[in-house]
Amino acid sequence: MILAMRECLTNSVCHAEATSIHIMAEKKEDSFSVRITNDGRPPESEVVPKGGLHNLYRNIMDCGGTMETKPFSAVKIIQT
């Protein structure tokens, strides 16, 4: 979770000029999900995971989780 929060904070400030991020965590019976949003401007095109997002995706997959990006609403959902 900390890696995801750090990556989202960095990307939100550098690419979307965000001034705040919002994190919502939810625990269900057999899963834990984190939704991270920001108040920055949405991407102008599809987000292709590379660099930090790609590394985050690999880390999440190594732990048995999934990661989904929703580029036009600037929402990231991570489930593990």
Protein backbone atom coordinates (compact mmCIF):
# COMPACT_ATOMS: atom_id res chain seq x y z
CA MET A 1 0.00 0.00 0.00
CA ILE A 2 2.78 2.40 0.83
CA LEU A 3 4.37 1.87 -2.60
CA ALA A 4 1.02 2.59 -4.27
CA MET A 5 0.41 5.72 -2.21
CA ARG A 6 3.91 7.03 -2.95
CA GLU A 7 3.60 6.35 -6.68
CA CYS A 8 0.17 7.98 -6.85
CA LEU A 9 1.37 11.02 -4.92
CA THR A 10 4.37 11.44 -7.19
CA ASN A 11 2.34 11.01 -10.39
CA SER A 12 -0.49 13.23 -9.15
CA VAL A 13 1.86 16.12 -8.46
CA CYS A 14 4.19 15.68 -11.45
CA HIS A 15 1.67 14.86 -14.17
CA ALA A 16 -1.70 16.18 -12.98
CA GLU A 17 -0.63 19.18 -10.88
CA ALA A 18 -2.76 17.84 -8.02
CA THR A 19 -2.76 19.53 -4.63
CA SER A 20 -4.25 16.62 -2.67
CA ILE A 21 -4.85 12.89 -2.90
CA HIS A 22 -7.60 10.89 -1.26
CA ILE A 23 -7.16 7.30 -0.10
CA MET A 24 -10.00 4.94 0.76
CA ALA A 25 -9.18 1.47 2.07
CA GLU A 26 -11.73 -1.32 2.43
CA LYS A 27 -11.34 -4.77 3.94
CA LYS A 28 -13.70 -7.49 2.81
CA GLU A 29 -13.79 -11.13 3.87
CA ASP A 30 -10.86 -12.32 1.78
CA SER A 31 -9.54 -9.16 0.15
CA PHE A 32 -8.31 -5.67 0.85
CA SER A 33 -8.74 -2.86 -1.65
CA VAL A 34 -7.38 0.65 -1.83
CA ARG A 35 -8.81 3.42 -4.00
CA ILE A 36 -6.61 6.44 -4.57
CA THR A 37 -7.89 9.59 -6.27
CA ASN A 38 -6.54 13.10 -6.70
CA ASP A 39 -7.83 16.57 -7.47
CA GLY A 40 -5.55 17.06 -10.47
CA ARG A 41 -6.49 17.25 -14.10
CA PRO A 42 -7.28 13.95 -15.87
CA PRO A 43 -4.79 12.49 -18.35
CA GLU A 44 -5.16 13.66 -21.93
CA SER A 45 -4.64 10.14 -23.28
CA GLU A 46 -4.68 6.56 -22.08
CA VAL A 47 -2.29 5.80 -19.23
CA VAL A 48 0.21 3.13 -20.23
CA PRO A 49 1.93 1.69 -17.15
CA LYS A 50 5.68 2.22 -17.46
CA GLY A 51 8.40 3.17 -15.05
CA GLY A 52 6.94 3.55 -11.57
CA LEU A 53 3.44 2.29 -12.43
CA HIS A 54 4.90 -0.75 -14.17
CA ASN A 55 7.09 -1.53 -11.16
CA LEU A 56 4.11 -1.10 -8.84
CA TYR A 57 2.06 -3.45 -11.02
CA ARG A 58 4.82 -6.09 -10.85
CA ASN A 59 5.05 -5.79 -7.05
CA ILE A 60 1.29 -6.17 -6.68
CA MET A 61 1.20 -9.18 -9.01
CA ASP A 62 4.07 -10.78 -7.06
CA CYS A 63 1.90 -10.53 -3.93
CA GLY A 64 -1.07 -12.16 -5.68
CA GLY A 65 -3.02 -8.92 -6.18
CA THR A 66 -4.42 -7.03 -9.16
CA MET A 67 -4.14 -3.43 -10.23
CA GLU A 68 -6.48 -1.43 -12.42
CA THR A 69 -6.03 2.10 -13.72
CA LYS A 70 -8.98 4.19 -14.81
CA PRO A 71 -7.25 6.92 -16.77
CA PHE A 72 -10.07 9.23 -17.72
CA SER A 73 -11.37 9.54 -14.17
CA ALA A 74 -7.85 9.60 -12.71
CA VAL A 75 -8.71 6.77 -10.33
CA LYS A 76 -6.46 3.88 -9.40
CA ILE A 77 -7.82 0.79 -7.74
CA ILE A 78 -5.53 -1.76 -6.19
CA GLN A 79 -6.81 -5.01 -4.82
CA THR A 80 -4.81 -7.58 -2.91
